[in-house]
Amino acid sequence: MENVNNLLDRLIGKLKEEKNLLIKSIQDAKYVDELVKVIEEKREILSKLSKFSKEDFEGYEDKLKEIEMLGRSNLTLAANNAQFIDEIFSAIFEEPQKYDQSGNISQQQKGLFNKKI
């Protein structure tokens, strides 16, 4: 079984690779399959790490903080990518009108940069 240090290093590497692929995948769909593969590899590493006790991670606080920072960064990138894609679809396909509780039509911003394409 691999030791904690090696697994943490591999996880940091996968998180950096994931960040790079998140940026590239919004530009070109050919990176999506590679991104999925990296996410699966990351999941396997996390599964192995889950078998260790809390005491096994003592002394690795810097690596754990880096992992936390990279994880949050990747989560933000993924959310921004999803929002960007949603905005593109909203600009292309007209959404049905929505009504609020008072019966008024609630207007949403349409299209990229508030303009309909």
N, C-alpha and C. Protein backbone atom coordinates (compact mmCIF):
# COMPACT_ATOMS: atom_id res chain seq x y z
N MET A 1 0.84 -1.19 0.00
CA MET A 1 0.00 0.00 0.00
C MET A 1 0.88 1.24 0.00
N GLU A 2 0.47 2.21 -0.79
CA GLU A 2 1.24 3.45 -0.89
C GLU A 2 1.17 4.23 0.42
N ASN A 3 2.20 5.04 0.65
CA ASN A 3 2.17 5.84 1.87
C ASN A 3 1.43 7.16 1.63
N VAL A 4 1.11 7.83 2.72
CA VAL A 4 0.31 9.05 2.67
C VAL A 4 1.01 10.13 1.84
N ASN A 5 2.31 10.28 2.02
CA ASN A 5 3.05 11.33 1.31
C ASN A 5 2.93 11.17 -0.21
N ASN A 6 3.14 9.94 -0.69
CA ASN A 6 3.05 9.70 -2.13
C ASN A 6 1.63 9.94 -2.66
N LEU A 7 0.64 9.50 -1.90
CA LEU A 7 -0.75 9.70 -2.33
C LEU A 7 -1.12 11.18 -2.35
N LEU A 8 -0.66 11.94 -1.36
CA LEU A 8 -0.93 13.38 -1.35
C LEU A 8 -0.26 14.07 -2.52
N ASP A 9 0.98 13.67 -2.83
CA ASP A 9 1.67 14.25 -3.99
C ASP A 9 0.94 13.93 -5.29
N ARG A 10 0.48 12.69 -5.41
CA ARG A 10 -0.27 12.31 -6.62
C ARG A 10 -1.58 13.09 -6.72
N LEU A 11 -2.24 13.28 -5.57
CA LEU A 11 -3.50 14.03 -5.56
C LEU A 11 -3.26 15.48 -5.97
N ILE A 12 -2.21 16.09 -5.47
CA ILE A 12 -1.87 17.47 -5.86
C ILE A 12 -1.63 17.54 -7.36
N GLY A 13 -0.90 16.57 -7.89
CA GLY A 13 -0.65 16.53 -9.33
C GLY A 13 -1.94 16.41 -10.13
N LYS A 14 -2.85 15.55 -9.68
CA LYS A 14 -4.13 15.37 -10.38
C LYS A 14 -4.99 16.63 -10.29
N LEU A 15 -4.97 17.31 -9.15
CA LEU A 15 -5.74 18.55 -9.02
C LEU A 15 -5.20 19.63 -9.95
N LYS A 16 -3.89 19.71 -10.09
CA LYS A 16 -3.30 20.68 -11.02
C LYS A 16 -3.65 20.33 -12.46
N GLU A 17 -3.61 19.05 -12.76
CA GLU A 17 -3.98 18.59 -14.11
C GLU A 17 -5.46 18.87 -14.38
N GLU A 18 -6.29 18.63 -13.38
CA GLU A 18 -7.72 18.90 -13.51
C GLU A 18 -7.97 20.39 -13.77
N LYS A 19 -7.27 21.25 -13.06
CA LYS A 19 -7.42 22.70 -13.24
C LYS A 19 -7.08 23.09 -14.68
N ASN A 20 -5.98 22.57 -15.17
CA ASN A 20 -5.55 22.85 -16.54
C ASN A 20 -6.60 22.37 -17.55
N LEU A 21 -7.13 21.18 -17.33
CA LEU A 21 -8.12 20.62 -18.25
C LEU A 21 -9.46 21.34 -18.16
N LEU A 22 -9.81 21.85 -16.98
CA LEU A 22 -11.05 22.64 -16.85
C LEU A 22 -10.96 23.90 -17.71
N ILE A 23 -9.79 24.49 -17.73
CA ILE A 23 -9.59 25.70 -18.54
C ILE A 23 -9.63 25.35 -20.02
N LYS A 24 -8.96 24.27 -20.39
CA LYS A 24 -8.90 23.88 -21.80
C LYS A 24 -10.24 23.34 -22.32
N SER A 25 -11.00 22.65 -21.45
CA SER A 25 -12.22 21.99 -21.91
C SER A 25 -13.31 22.98 -22.31
N ILE A 26 -13.28 24.18 -21.77
CA ILE A 26 -14.28 25.18 -22.16
C ILE A 26 -13.97 25.71 -23.56
N GLN A 27 -12.71 25.59 -23.98
CA GLN A 27 -12.29 26.06 -25.30
C GLN A 27 -12.44 24.98 -26.37
N ASP A 28 -12.23 23.73 -25.97
CA ASP A 28 -12.24 22.64 -26.94
C ASP A 28 -12.76 21.37 -26.27
N ALA A 29 -13.77 20.77 -26.84
CA ALA A 29 -14.42 19.60 -26.25
C ALA A 29 -13.53 18.35 -26.27
N LYS A 30 -12.44 18.38 -27.01
CA LYS A 30 -11.58 17.19 -27.07
C LYS A 30 -10.91 16.89 -25.72
N TYR A 31 -10.91 17.86 -24.81
CA TYR A 31 -10.29 17.66 -23.50
C TYR A 31 -11.25 17.08 -22.47
N VAL A 32 -12.51 16.96 -22.79
CA VAL A 32 -13.51 16.50 -21.83
C VAL A 32 -13.24 15.06 -21.39
N ASP A 33 -12.94 14.17 -22.33
CA ASP A 33 -12.67 12.77 -21.99
C ASP A 33 -11.45 12.66 -21.08
N GLU A 34 -10.44 13.45 -21.36
CA GLU A 34 -9.24 13.46 -20.53
C GLU A 34 -9.57 13.98 -19.13
N LEU A 35 -10.42 14.98 -19.05
CA LEU A 35 -10.84 15.53 -17.77
C LEU A 35 -11.59 14.47 -16.95
N VAL A 36 -12.47 13.73 -17.58
CA VAL A 36 -13.21 12.67 -16.89
C VAL A 36 -12.25 11.62 -16.36
N LYS A 37 -11.24 11.27 -17.14
CA LYS A 37 -10.25 10.28 -16.71
C LYS A 37 -9.49 10.78 -15.49
N VAL A 38 -9.10 12.05 -15.49
CA VAL A 38 -8.37 12.62 -14.35
C VAL A 38 -9.24 12.63 -13.11
N ILE A 39 -10.51 12.94 -13.27
CA ILE A 39 -11.43 12.95 -12.12
C ILE A 39 -11.57 11.55 -11.54
N GLU A 40 -11.64 10.54 -12.38
CA GLU A 40 -11.71 9.16 -11.90
C GLU A 40 -10.42 8.76 -11.18
N GLU A 41 -9.27 9.16 -11.71
CA GLU A 41 -8.00 8.87 -11.05
C GLU A 41 -7.92 9.57 -9.70
N LYS A 42 -8.42 10.78 -9.65
CA LYS A 42 -8.45 11.55 -8.40
C LYS A 42 -9.34 10.84 -7.38
N ARG A 43 -10.47 10.34 -7.83
CA ARG A 43 -11.39 9.62 -6.94
C ARG A 43 -10.73 8.37 -6.36
N GLU A 44 -9.95 7.66 -7.17
CA GLU A 44 -9.24 6.46 -6.70
C GLU A 44 -8.23 6.82 -5.62
N ILE A 45 -7.51 7.91 -5.83
CA ILE A 45 -6.53 8.36 -4.83
C ILE A 45 -7.24 8.73 -3.53
N LEU A 46 -8.35 9.45 -3.63
CA LEU A 46 -9.11 9.83 -2.44
C LEU A 46 -9.64 8.60 -1.71
N SER A 47 -10.02 7.59 -2.46
CA SER A 47 -10.49 6.35 -1.84
C SER A 47 -9.36 5.69 -1.04
N LYS A 48 -8.17 5.68 -1.60
CA LYS A 48 -7.02 5.11 -0.87
C LYS A 48 -6.69 5.94 0.36
N LEU A 49 -6.77 7.25 0.24
CA LEU A 49 -6.47 8.12 1.37
C LEU A 49 -7.49 7.97 2.49
N SER A 50 -8.70 7.63 2.15
CA SER A 50 -9.76 7.50 3.16
C SER A 50 -9.50 6.33 4.11
N LYS A 51 -8.62 5.43 3.73
CA LYS A 51 -8.33 4.26 4.57
C LYS A 51 -7.32 4.56 5.67
N PHE A 52 -6.73 5.75 5.63
CA PHE A 52 -5.76 6.14 6.65
C PHE A 52 -6.47 6.84 7.80
N SER A 53 -5.83 6.83 8.95
CA SER A 53 -6.38 7.52 10.12
C SER A 53 -5.90 8.97 10.14
N LYS A 54 -6.53 9.76 10.99
CA LYS A 54 -6.19 11.17 11.10
C LYS A 54 -4.72 11.37 11.49
N GLU A 55 -4.22 10.51 12.34
CA GLU A 55 -2.83 10.61 12.80
C GLU A 55 -1.83 10.41 11.67
N ASP A 56 -2.22 9.66 10.65
CA ASP A 56 -1.32 9.42 9.51
C ASP A 56 -1.06 10.69 8.70
N PHE A 57 -1.93 11.70 8.85
CA PHE A 57 -1.80 12.94 8.08
C PHE A 57 -1.02 14.02 8.83
N GLU A 58 -0.61 13.73 10.06
CA GLU A 58 0.16 14.71 10.83
C GLU A 58 1.50 14.96 10.15
N GLY A 59 1.85 16.23 10.06
CA GLY A 59 3.09 16.61 9.38
C GLY A 59 2.90 16.98 7.92
N TYR A 60 1.70 16.78 7.42
CA TYR A 60 1.41 17.08 6.01
C TYR A 60 0.43 18.24 5.87
N GLU A 61 0.39 19.12 6.86
CA GLU A 61 -0.58 20.22 6.86
C GLU A 61 -0.43 21.12 5.64
N ASP A 62 0.81 21.38 5.22
CA ASP A 62 1.02 22.24 4.04
C ASP A 62 0.43 21.62 2.78
N LYS A 63 0.63 20.33 2.62
CA LYS A 63 0.07 19.65 1.45
C LYS A 63 -1.45 19.63 1.51
N LEU A 64 -1.99 19.43 2.71
CA LEU A 64 -3.45 19.41 2.85
C LEU A 64 -4.06 20.77 2.54
N LYS A 65 -3.37 21.84 2.94
CA LYS A 65 -3.85 23.20 2.63
C LYS A 65 -3.78 23.45 1.13
N GLU A 66 -2.71 22.99 0.49
CA GLU A 66 -2.60 23.14 -0.97
C GLU A 66 -3.71 22.37 -1.68
N ILE A 67 -4.01 21.17 -1.19
CA ILE A 67 -5.08 20.37 -1.77
C ILE A 67 -6.42 21.08 -1.61
N GLU A 68 -6.65 21.66 -0.44
CA GLU A 68 -7.89 22.40 -0.20
C GLU A 68 -8.00 23.59 -1.14
N MET A 69 -6.90 24.34 -1.30
CA MET A 69 -6.90 25.51 -2.17
C MET A 69 -7.16 25.11 -3.63
N LEU A 70 -6.48 24.07 -4.09
CA LEU A 70 -6.67 23.61 -5.47
C LEU A 70 -8.09 23.08 -5.67
N GLY A 71 -8.63 22.37 -4.69
CA GLY A 71 -9.98 21.85 -4.79
C GLY A 71 -11.01 22.96 -4.92
N ARG A 72 -10.84 24.00 -4.10
CA ARG A 72 -11.77 25.14 -4.18
C ARG A 72 -11.65 25.86 -5.51
N SER A 73 -10.42 26.02 -5.97
CA SER A 73 -10.18 26.68 -7.26
C SER A 73 -10.84 25.90 -8.39
N ASN A 74 -10.67 24.58 -8.37
CA ASN A 74 -11.27 23.74 -9.42
C ASN A 74 -12.79 23.76 -9.36
N LEU A 75 -13.33 23.78 -8.15
CA LEU A 75 -14.78 23.85 -8.00
C LEU A 75 -15.32 25.15 -8.57
N THR A 76 -14.62 26.24 -8.31
CA THR A 76 -15.03 27.55 -8.84
C THR A 76 -14.95 27.56 -10.37
N LEU A 77 -13.87 27.01 -10.91
CA LEU A 77 -13.73 26.93 -12.37
C LEU A 77 -14.86 26.11 -12.99
N ALA A 78 -15.16 24.97 -12.39
CA ALA A 78 -16.22 24.11 -12.92
C ALA A 78 -17.57 24.82 -12.87
N ALA A 79 -17.84 25.52 -11.77
CA ALA A 79 -19.11 26.25 -11.65
C ALA A 79 -19.18 27.38 -12.68
N ASN A 80 -18.07 28.08 -12.89
CA ASN A 80 -18.05 29.15 -13.89
C ASN A 80 -18.24 28.60 -15.29
N ASN A 81 -17.64 27.45 -15.58
CA ASN A 81 -17.83 26.82 -16.88
C ASN A 81 -19.29 26.45 -17.10
N ALA A 82 -19.92 25.89 -16.08
CA ALA A 82 -21.33 25.51 -16.19
C ALA A 82 -22.21 26.74 -16.39
N GLN A 83 -21.91 27.81 -15.68
CA GLN A 83 -22.69 29.04 -15.82
C GLN A 83 -22.51 29.62 -17.22
N PHE A 84 -21.29 29.59 -17.74
CA PHE A 84 -21.01 30.10 -19.08
C PHE A 84 -21.80 29.31 -20.12
N ILE A 85 -21.79 28.00 -19.99
CA ILE A 85 -22.52 27.15 -20.93
C ILE A 85 -24.01 27.41 -20.83
N ASP A 86 -24.51 27.58 -19.60
CA ASP A 86 -25.92 27.89 -19.40
C ASP A 86 -26.30 29.21 -20.05
N GLU A 87 -25.45 30.21 -19.94
CA GLU A 87 -25.70 31.51 -20.56
C GLU A 87 -25.72 31.41 -22.08
N ILE A 88 -24.85 30.58 -22.63
CA ILE A 88 -24.84 30.39 -24.08
C ILE A 88 -26.15 29.76 -24.54
N PHE A 89 -26.59 28.71 -23.84
CA PHE A 89 -27.85 28.07 -24.20
C PHE A 89 -29.02 29.01 -24.02
N SER A 90 -28.99 29.83 -22.98
CA SER A 90 -30.07 30.80 -22.76
C SER A 90 -30.09 31.84 -23.87
N ALA A 91 -28.92 32.18 -24.39
CA ALA A 91 -28.86 33.16 -25.48
C ALA A 91 -29.35 32.56 -26.80
N ILE A 92 -29.11 31.29 -26.99
CA ILE A 92 -29.50 30.64 -28.23
C ILE A 92 -30.98 30.25 -28.23
N PHE A 93 -31.41 29.65 -27.13
CA PHE A 93 -32.79 29.16 -27.03
C PHE A 93 -33.58 30.08 -26.11
N GLU A 94 -34.69 30.56 -26.61
CA GLU A 94 -35.52 31.46 -25.81
C GLU A 94 -36.16 30.70 -24.66
N GLU A 95 -36.06 31.27 -23.49
CA GLU A 95 -36.64 30.64 -22.31
C GLU A 95 -38.08 31.10 -22.13
N PRO A 96 -38.93 30.22 -21.58
CA PRO A 96 -40.31 30.64 -21.35
C PRO A 96 -40.37 31.71 -20.26
N GLN A 97 -41.42 32.52 -20.31
CA GLN A 97 -41.57 33.57 -19.31
C GLN A 97 -41.92 32.95 -17.96
N LYS A 98 -41.40 33.57 -16.91
CA LYS A 98 -41.67 33.08 -15.56
C LYS A 98 -42.41 34.16 -14.80
N TYR A 99 -43.31 33.72 -13.94
CA TYR A 99 -44.11 34.63 -13.15
C TYR A 99 -43.68 34.55 -11.69
N ASP A 100 -43.66 35.71 -11.02
CA ASP A 100 -43.35 35.71 -9.60
C ASP A 100 -44.63 35.53 -8.79
N GLN A 101 -44.54 35.61 -7.47
CA GLN A 101 -45.69 35.34 -6.61
C GLN A 101 -46.81 36.36 -6.78
N SER A 102 -46.48 37.57 -7.18
CA SER A 102 -47.51 38.59 -7.36
C SER A 102 -48.16 38.54 -8.74
N GLY A 103 -47.72 37.63 -9.59
CA GLY A 103 -48.30 37.48 -10.90
C GLY A 103 -47.61 38.28 -11.99
N ASN A 104 -46.56 39.01 -11.64
CA ASN A 104 -45.81 39.77 -12.64
C ASN A 104 -44.81 38.87 -13.35
N ILE A 105 -44.52 39.23 -14.59
CA ILE A 105 -43.52 38.47 -15.34
C ILE A 105 -42.15 38.87 -14.83
N SER A 106 -41.39 37.87 -14.42
CA SER A 106 -40.03 38.16 -13.96
C SER A 106 -39.10 38.08 -15.16
N GLN A 107 -38.38 39.14 -15.40
CA GLN A 107 -37.48 39.21 -16.55
C GLN A 107 -36.10 38.74 -16.14
N GLN A 108 -35.52 37.94 -16.97
CA GLN A 108 -34.16 37.51 -16.73
C GLN A 108 -33.28 38.13 -17.79
N GLN A 109 -32.01 38.26 -17.45
CA GLN A 109 -31.07 38.81 -18.44
C GLN A 109 -30.98 37.84 -19.59
N LYS A 110 -31.03 38.36 -20.79
CA LYS A 110 -30.98 37.50 -21.98
C LYS A 110 -29.66 37.65 -22.68
N GLY A 111 -29.10 36.52 -23.07
CA GLY A 111 -27.93 36.52 -23.92
C GLY A 111 -26.66 36.92 -23.22
N LEU A 112 -25.63 36.85 -23.99
CA LEU A 112 -24.32 37.25 -23.50
C LEU A 112 -24.28 38.76 -23.43
N PHE A 113 -23.79 39.27 -22.35
CA PHE A 113 -23.65 40.69 -22.14
C PHE A 113 -24.99 41.42 -22.30
N ASN A 114 -26.07 40.75 -21.83
CA ASN A 114 -27.42 41.31 -21.83
C ASN A 114 -27.96 41.61 -23.22
N LYS A 115 -27.49 40.94 -24.21
CA LYS A 115 -28.00 41.12 -25.57
C LYS A 115 -28.35 39.76 -26.13
N LYS A 116 -29.44 39.73 -26.85
CA LYS A 116 -29.85 38.49 -27.46
C LYS A 116 -29.10 38.28 -28.77
N ILE A 117 -28.63 37.09 -28.97
CA ILE A 117 -27.88 36.78 -30.18
C ILE A 117 -28.84 36.48 -31.30
